[in-house]
Amino acid sequence: MACKLLIVDDNPEVCNLLKLTLAGDAYELKEVSNGADALKAIKAWRPNIVLLDIMMPGEMNGFQVCKAVKNDPHLKQTYIALLTAKGQLRDIHQGADVGADNYLIKPFSPMLLKILLARITQDLNFKLF
């Protein structure tokens, strides 16, 4: 069984880098580009891990998506890593306040992301390699 990973980012270059970084690993990947679509995809597809941008177009930002997921008893176990250029301490605190499991600042190291995701999937009892 593959680990389901949802990429949520409005920047196609970031999405492509993430897909390239994770290619060859045993992830089932899906991608959306805004908060409303992210929440719909999380409810319908039930990913194990969400890589979630904060600043996106539309009605919902990443903080709002994260809070909605973590407040839903059926979804709160979803692992959410905020992946964003917002690296101020107040932003990191806000991420923690809405229940994010991790906070990664762009630009990110693809190798460190792979290591982090391998550890998360191991904790979730998935074997990727």
N, C-alpha and C. Protein backbone atom coordinates (compact mmCIF):
# COMPACT_ATOMS: atom_id res chain seq x y z
N MET A 1 0.84 -1.18 0.00
CA MET A 1 0.00 0.00 0.00
C MET A 1 0.89 1.24 0.00
N ALA A 2 0.67 2.11 -0.95
CA ALA A 2 1.46 3.33 -1.08
C ALA A 2 0.96 4.40 -0.11
N CYS A 3 1.87 5.23 0.31
CA CYS A 3 1.54 6.37 1.16
C CYS A 3 0.96 7.46 0.27
N LYS A 4 -0.23 7.95 0.61
CA LYS A 4 -0.88 8.99 -0.19
C LYS A 4 -0.40 10.36 0.27
N LEU A 5 0.15 11.13 -0.68
CA LEU A 5 0.73 12.43 -0.37
C LEU A 5 0.10 13.48 -1.27
N LEU A 6 -0.47 14.50 -0.67
CA LEU A 6 -1.10 15.59 -1.40
C LEU A 6 -0.18 16.81 -1.38
N ILE A 7 0.11 17.33 -2.57
CA ILE A 7 0.91 18.55 -2.73
C ILE A 7 -0.07 19.70 -2.96
N VAL A 8 0.05 20.75 -2.15
CA VAL A 8 -0.83 21.91 -2.29
C VAL A 8 0.05 23.14 -2.43
N ASP A 9 0.14 23.66 -3.66
CA ASP A 9 0.95 24.85 -3.92
C ASP A 9 0.48 25.46 -5.22
N ASP A 10 0.39 26.78 -5.26
CA ASP A 10 -0.04 27.47 -6.48
C ASP A 10 1.11 27.73 -7.44
N ASN A 11 2.32 27.41 -7.06
CA ASN A 11 3.49 27.63 -7.92
C ASN A 11 3.83 26.33 -8.65
N PRO A 12 3.63 26.29 -9.97
CA PRO A 12 3.90 25.06 -10.72
C PRO A 12 5.36 24.60 -10.61
N GLU A 13 6.29 25.53 -10.47
CA GLU A 13 7.70 25.15 -10.34
C GLU A 13 7.95 24.38 -9.04
N VAL A 14 7.32 24.82 -7.96
CA VAL A 14 7.46 24.12 -6.68
C VAL A 14 6.83 22.73 -6.78
N CYS A 15 5.65 22.66 -7.38
CA CYS A 15 4.98 21.36 -7.55
C CYS A 15 5.84 20.41 -8.37
N ASN A 16 6.41 20.91 -9.45
CA ASN A 16 7.27 20.06 -10.29
C ASN A 16 8.51 19.60 -9.53
N LEU A 17 9.12 20.50 -8.75
CA LEU A 17 10.29 20.12 -7.96
C LEU A 17 9.92 19.04 -6.94
N LEU A 18 8.77 19.20 -6.29
CA LEU A 18 8.33 18.20 -5.32
C LEU A 18 8.09 16.85 -6.00
N LYS A 19 7.42 16.87 -7.14
CA LYS A 19 7.16 15.62 -7.86
C LYS A 19 8.46 14.97 -8.32
N LEU A 20 9.39 15.78 -8.81
CA LEU A 20 10.68 15.25 -9.24
C LEU A 20 11.45 14.67 -8.05
N THR A 21 11.42 15.37 -6.93
CA THR A 21 12.11 14.91 -5.72
C THR A 21 11.56 13.57 -5.24
N LEU A 22 10.26 13.40 -5.35
CA LEU A 22 9.61 12.21 -4.81
C LEU A 22 9.42 11.10 -5.83
N ALA A 23 9.81 11.36 -7.08
CA ALA A 23 9.68 10.33 -8.12
C ALA A 23 10.53 9.13 -7.76
N GLY A 24 9.98 7.97 -7.98
CA GLY A 24 10.71 6.74 -7.69
C GLY A 24 10.46 6.21 -6.29
N ASP A 25 9.98 7.06 -5.39
CA ASP A 25 9.59 6.59 -4.06
C ASP A 25 8.15 6.09 -4.15
N ALA A 26 7.75 5.31 -3.20
CA ALA A 26 6.43 4.66 -3.26
C ALA A 26 5.32 5.55 -2.71
N TYR A 27 5.21 6.75 -3.29
CA TYR A 27 4.13 7.65 -2.91
C TYR A 27 3.08 7.65 -4.00
N GLU A 28 1.84 7.74 -3.60
CA GLU A 28 0.77 8.03 -4.53
C GLU A 28 0.54 9.52 -4.41
N LEU A 29 0.84 10.28 -5.47
CA LEU A 29 0.82 11.74 -5.40
C LEU A 29 -0.41 12.32 -6.07
N LYS A 30 -0.93 13.38 -5.48
CA LYS A 30 -1.94 14.23 -6.10
C LYS A 30 -1.52 15.66 -5.82
N GLU A 31 -2.04 16.56 -6.66
CA GLU A 31 -1.63 17.96 -6.57
C GLU A 31 -2.85 18.86 -6.78
N VAL A 32 -2.97 19.89 -5.95
CA VAL A 32 -3.97 20.94 -6.13
C VAL A 32 -3.29 22.28 -5.89
N SER A 33 -3.96 23.36 -6.32
CA SER A 33 -3.27 24.66 -6.30
C SER A 33 -3.91 25.72 -5.43
N ASN A 34 -4.95 25.38 -4.67
CA ASN A 34 -5.54 26.38 -3.78
C ASN A 34 -6.15 25.71 -2.55
N GLY A 35 -6.48 26.52 -1.57
CA GLY A 35 -6.95 26.01 -0.30
C GLY A 35 -8.28 25.28 -0.37
N ALA A 36 -9.24 25.83 -1.12
CA ALA A 36 -10.55 25.19 -1.21
C ALA A 36 -10.43 23.81 -1.84
N ASP A 37 -9.65 23.71 -2.92
CA ASP A 37 -9.46 22.41 -3.57
C ASP A 37 -8.69 21.46 -2.65
N ALA A 38 -7.79 22.00 -1.85
CA ALA A 38 -7.04 21.17 -0.91
C ALA A 38 -7.98 20.53 0.10
N LEU A 39 -8.87 21.32 0.67
CA LEU A 39 -9.80 20.78 1.67
C LEU A 39 -10.71 19.73 1.05
N LYS A 40 -11.18 19.98 -0.17
CA LYS A 40 -12.01 18.99 -0.87
C LYS A 40 -11.23 17.70 -1.10
N ALA A 41 -9.98 17.83 -1.56
CA ALA A 41 -9.16 16.64 -1.84
C ALA A 41 -8.85 15.87 -0.56
N ILE A 42 -8.60 16.57 0.52
CA ILE A 42 -8.30 15.90 1.79
C ILE A 42 -9.53 15.12 2.27
N LYS A 43 -10.70 15.72 2.15
CA LYS A 43 -11.93 15.04 2.58
C LYS A 43 -12.24 13.84 1.70
N ALA A 44 -12.04 13.98 0.40
CA ALA A 44 -12.41 12.91 -0.53
C ALA A 44 -11.35 11.81 -0.64
N TRP A 45 -10.08 12.21 -0.68
CA TRP A 45 -9.00 11.26 -0.97
C TRP A 45 -8.33 10.72 0.27
N ARG A 46 -8.41 11.44 1.37
CA ARG A 46 -7.82 11.05 2.65
C ARG A 46 -6.32 10.75 2.55
N PRO A 47 -5.51 11.74 2.17
CA PRO A 47 -4.06 11.51 2.10
C PRO A 47 -3.48 11.28 3.49
N ASN A 48 -2.37 10.57 3.53
CA ASN A 48 -1.67 10.36 4.79
C ASN A 48 -0.85 11.59 5.17
N ILE A 49 -0.29 12.25 4.13
CA ILE A 49 0.58 13.42 4.33
C ILE A 49 0.14 14.52 3.37
N VAL A 50 0.16 15.76 3.86
CA VAL A 50 -0.13 16.93 3.02
C VAL A 50 1.05 17.89 3.14
N LEU A 51 1.63 18.25 1.99
CA LEU A 51 2.62 19.33 1.93
C LEU A 51 1.85 20.56 1.50
N LEU A 52 1.70 21.51 2.41
CA LEU A 52 0.73 22.59 2.26
C LEU A 52 1.39 23.96 2.26
N ASP A 53 1.26 24.67 1.14
CA ASP A 53 1.72 26.05 1.05
C ASP A 53 0.79 26.92 1.91
N ILE A 54 1.28 28.05 2.36
CA ILE A 54 0.44 28.95 3.15
C ILE A 54 -0.22 30.00 2.28
N MET A 55 0.57 30.67 1.44
CA MET A 55 0.06 31.78 0.65
C MET A 55 -0.41 31.26 -0.71
N MET A 56 -1.74 31.21 -0.88
CA MET A 56 -2.33 30.73 -2.13
C MET A 56 -3.49 31.62 -2.51
N PRO A 57 -3.86 31.63 -3.79
CA PRO A 57 -5.01 32.43 -4.22
C PRO A 57 -6.31 31.80 -3.72
N GLY A 58 -7.34 32.61 -3.65
CA GLY A 58 -8.64 32.08 -3.28
C GLY A 58 -9.04 32.42 -1.86
N GLU A 59 -10.09 31.76 -1.41
CA GLU A 59 -10.71 32.08 -0.13
C GLU A 59 -9.94 31.55 1.08
N MET A 60 -9.20 30.46 0.90
CA MET A 60 -8.55 29.82 2.04
C MET A 60 -7.04 29.80 1.88
N ASN A 61 -6.34 30.23 2.92
CA ASN A 61 -4.88 30.08 2.91
C ASN A 61 -4.52 28.77 3.60
N GLY A 62 -3.25 28.45 3.63
CA GLY A 62 -2.81 27.19 4.21
C GLY A 62 -3.10 27.07 5.70
N PHE A 63 -3.00 28.17 6.43
CA PHE A 63 -3.32 28.14 7.86
C PHE A 63 -4.78 27.72 8.06
N GLN A 64 -5.67 28.30 7.25
CA GLN A 64 -7.10 27.99 7.38
C GLN A 64 -7.39 26.54 7.01
N VAL A 65 -6.73 26.04 5.98
CA VAL A 65 -6.90 24.64 5.59
C VAL A 65 -6.44 23.73 6.72
N CYS A 66 -5.27 24.01 7.24
CA CYS A 66 -4.71 23.19 8.32
C CYS A 66 -5.64 23.18 9.53
N LYS A 67 -6.13 24.34 9.91
CA LYS A 67 -7.03 24.42 11.07
C LYS A 67 -8.30 23.62 10.83
N ALA A 68 -8.87 23.72 9.63
CA ALA A 68 -10.10 22.99 9.31
C ALA A 68 -9.86 21.48 9.39
N VAL A 69 -8.73 21.02 8.88
CA VAL A 69 -8.42 19.59 8.90
C VAL A 69 -8.20 19.12 10.33
N LYS A 70 -7.42 19.85 11.09
CA LYS A 70 -7.09 19.43 12.45
C LYS A 70 -8.29 19.53 13.40
N ASN A 71 -9.29 20.33 13.05
CA ASN A 71 -10.50 20.43 13.87
C ASN A 71 -11.56 19.41 13.48
N ASP A 72 -11.34 18.68 12.40
CA ASP A 72 -12.29 17.66 11.95
C ASP A 72 -11.88 16.31 12.55
N PRO A 73 -12.74 15.71 13.38
CA PRO A 73 -12.34 14.46 14.04
C PRO A 73 -12.03 13.32 13.07
N HIS A 74 -12.56 13.37 11.85
CA HIS A 74 -12.29 12.33 10.87
C HIS A 74 -11.00 12.56 10.09
N LEU A 75 -10.46 13.77 10.17
CA LEU A 75 -9.28 14.13 9.37
C LEU A 75 -8.07 14.50 10.22
N LYS A 76 -8.25 14.72 11.50
CA LYS A 76 -7.20 15.31 12.33
C LYS A 76 -5.92 14.50 12.38
N GLN A 77 -5.96 13.21 12.04
CA GLN A 77 -4.75 12.38 12.04
C GLN A 77 -3.89 12.63 10.80
N THR A 78 -4.41 13.37 9.83
CA THR A 78 -3.65 13.69 8.62
C THR A 78 -2.39 14.48 9.00
N TYR A 79 -1.23 14.02 8.52
CA TYR A 79 0.03 14.70 8.81
C TYR A 79 0.15 15.90 7.87
N ILE A 80 0.28 17.09 8.43
CA ILE A 80 0.39 18.30 7.62
C ILE A 80 1.72 18.98 7.88
N ALA A 81 2.49 19.13 6.79
CA ALA A 81 3.73 19.90 6.83
C ALA A 81 3.50 21.17 6.02
N LEU A 82 3.57 22.31 6.69
CA LEU A 82 3.48 23.58 5.98
C LEU A 82 4.80 23.80 5.27
N LEU A 83 4.72 24.11 3.99
CA LEU A 83 5.91 24.30 3.15
C LEU A 83 5.77 25.68 2.54
N THR A 84 6.53 26.65 3.07
CA THR A 84 6.25 28.05 2.75
C THR A 84 7.50 28.92 2.78
N ALA A 85 7.38 30.07 2.14
CA ALA A 85 8.45 31.07 2.19
C ALA A 85 8.31 31.96 3.43
N LYS A 86 7.20 31.82 4.14
CA LYS A 86 6.96 32.65 5.34
C LYS A 86 7.75 32.06 6.51
N GLY A 87 8.92 32.65 6.77
CA GLY A 87 9.80 32.10 7.78
C GLY A 87 9.93 32.91 9.05
N GLN A 88 9.06 33.90 9.22
CA GLN A 88 9.10 34.70 10.45
C GLN A 88 8.62 33.87 11.63
N LEU A 89 9.13 34.18 12.80
CA LEU A 89 8.77 33.43 14.00
C LEU A 89 7.26 33.44 14.24
N ARG A 90 6.60 34.57 13.98
CA ARG A 90 5.15 34.65 14.20
C ARG A 90 4.40 33.68 13.27
N ASP A 91 4.93 33.49 12.05
CA ASP A 91 4.30 32.55 11.11
C ASP A 91 4.47 31.12 11.60
N ILE A 92 5.65 30.81 12.12
CA ILE A 92 5.91 29.47 12.64
C ILE A 92 5.00 29.19 13.84
N HIS A 93 4.83 30.19 14.71
CA HIS A 93 3.92 30.04 15.86
C HIS A 93 2.49 29.86 15.39
N GLN A 94 2.10 30.60 14.35
CA GLN A 94 0.74 30.46 13.84
C GLN A 94 0.53 29.06 13.27
N GLY A 95 1.54 28.53 12.60
CA GLY A 95 1.45 27.15 12.10
C GLY A 95 1.24 26.16 13.23
N ALA A 96 1.98 26.34 14.31
CA ALA A 96 1.80 25.46 15.48
C ALA A 96 0.42 25.64 16.09
N ASP A 97 -0.06 26.87 16.13
CA ASP A 97 -1.38 27.15 16.72
C ASP A 97 -2.52 26.48 15.95
N VAL A 98 -2.38 26.33 14.63
CA VAL A 98 -3.44 25.69 13.84
C VAL A 98 -3.25 24.18 13.74
N GLY A 99 -2.19 23.66 14.38
CA GLY A 99 -2.03 22.22 14.46
C GLY A 99 -1.11 21.58 13.45
N ALA A 100 -0.33 22.37 12.72
CA ALA A 100 0.60 21.79 11.75
C ALA A 100 1.58 20.85 12.45
N ASP A 101 1.88 19.75 11.80
CA ASP A 101 2.81 18.78 12.36
C ASP A 101 4.27 19.15 12.09
N ASN A 102 4.49 19.96 11.06
CA ASN A 102 5.84 20.37 10.71
C ASN A 102 5.77 21.68 9.94
N TYR A 103 6.88 22.41 9.88
CA TYR A 103 6.94 23.71 9.22
C TYR A 103 8.26 23.77 8.48
N LEU A 104 8.20 23.77 7.15
CA LEU A 104 9.40 23.79 6.32
C LEU A 104 9.45 25.09 5.54
N ILE A 105 10.61 25.71 5.53
CA ILE A 105 10.75 27.02 4.89
C ILE A 105 11.39 26.86 3.51
N LYS A 106 10.76 27.50 2.51
CA LYS A 106 11.30 27.54 1.15
C LYS A 106 12.39 28.60 1.11
N PRO A 107 13.43 28.43 0.33
CA PRO A 107 13.71 27.21 -0.45
C PRO A 107 14.11 26.07 0.48
N PHE A 108 13.73 24.88 0.11
CA PHE A 108 14.00 23.71 0.93
C PHE A 108 15.01 22.81 0.22
N SER A 109 15.66 21.99 0.99
CA SER A 109 16.59 21.01 0.44
C SER A 109 15.81 19.77 0.04
N PRO A 110 15.81 19.40 -1.24
CA PRO A 110 15.10 18.19 -1.66
C PRO A 110 15.55 16.95 -0.89
N MET A 111 16.85 16.83 -0.61
CA MET A 111 17.34 15.66 0.11
C MET A 111 16.82 15.63 1.54
N LEU A 112 16.82 16.79 2.21
CA LEU A 112 16.29 16.83 3.57
C LEU A 112 14.79 16.54 3.59
N LEU A 113 14.07 17.01 2.57
CA LEU A 113 12.65 16.71 2.47
C LEU A 113 12.43 15.21 2.33
N LYS A 114 13.22 14.56 1.49
CA LYS A 114 13.11 13.10 1.32
C LYS A 114 13.37 12.38 2.64
N ILE A 115 14.37 12.83 3.37
CA ILE A 115 14.70 12.20 4.65
C ILE A 115 13.55 12.40 5.64
N LEU A 116 13.02 13.62 5.71
CA LEU A 116 11.90 13.90 6.60
C LEU A 116 10.70 13.03 6.25
N LEU A 117 10.36 12.96 4.97
CA LEU A 117 9.20 12.18 4.55
C LEU A 117 9.41 10.69 4.79
N ALA A 118 10.64 10.22 4.62
CA ALA A 118 10.93 8.81 4.91
C ALA A 118 10.68 8.51 6.38
N ARG A 119 11.09 9.41 7.23
CA ARG A 119 10.87 9.22 8.68
C ARG A 119 9.37 9.27 9.01
N ILE A 120 8.66 10.22 8.41
CA ILE A 120 7.22 10.33 8.67
C ILE A 120 6.51 9.07 8.21
N THR A 121 6.82 8.61 7.01
CA THR A 121 6.15 7.42 6.50
C THR A 121 6.50 6.19 7.33
N GLN A 122 7.71 6.15 7.84
CA GLN A 122 8.09 5.05 8.74
C GLN A 122 7.24 5.11 10.01
N ASP A 123 7.07 6.31 10.54
CA ASP A 123 6.22 6.47 11.72
C ASP A 123 4.77 6.10 11.43
N LEU A 124 4.34 6.30 10.18
CA LEU A 124 2.98 5.94 9.78
C LEU A 124 2.89 4.48 9.33
N ASN A 125 4.00 3.75 9.47
CA ASN A 125 4.06 2.32 9.14
C ASN A 125 3.95 2.01 7.65
N PHE A 126 4.55 2.87 6.82
CA PHE A 126 4.65 2.60 5.39
C PHE A 126 6.09 2.26 5.07
N LYS A 127 6.28 1.39 4.09
CA LYS A 127 7.62 1.08 3.61
C LYS A 127 7.74 1.64 2.21
N LEU A 128 8.70 2.54 2.02
CA LEU A 128 8.84 3.21 0.74
C LEU A 128 9.91 2.63 -0.15
N PHE A 129 10.91 2.00 0.42
CA PHE A 129 12.05 1.60 -0.39
C PHE A 129 12.18 0.09 -0.39
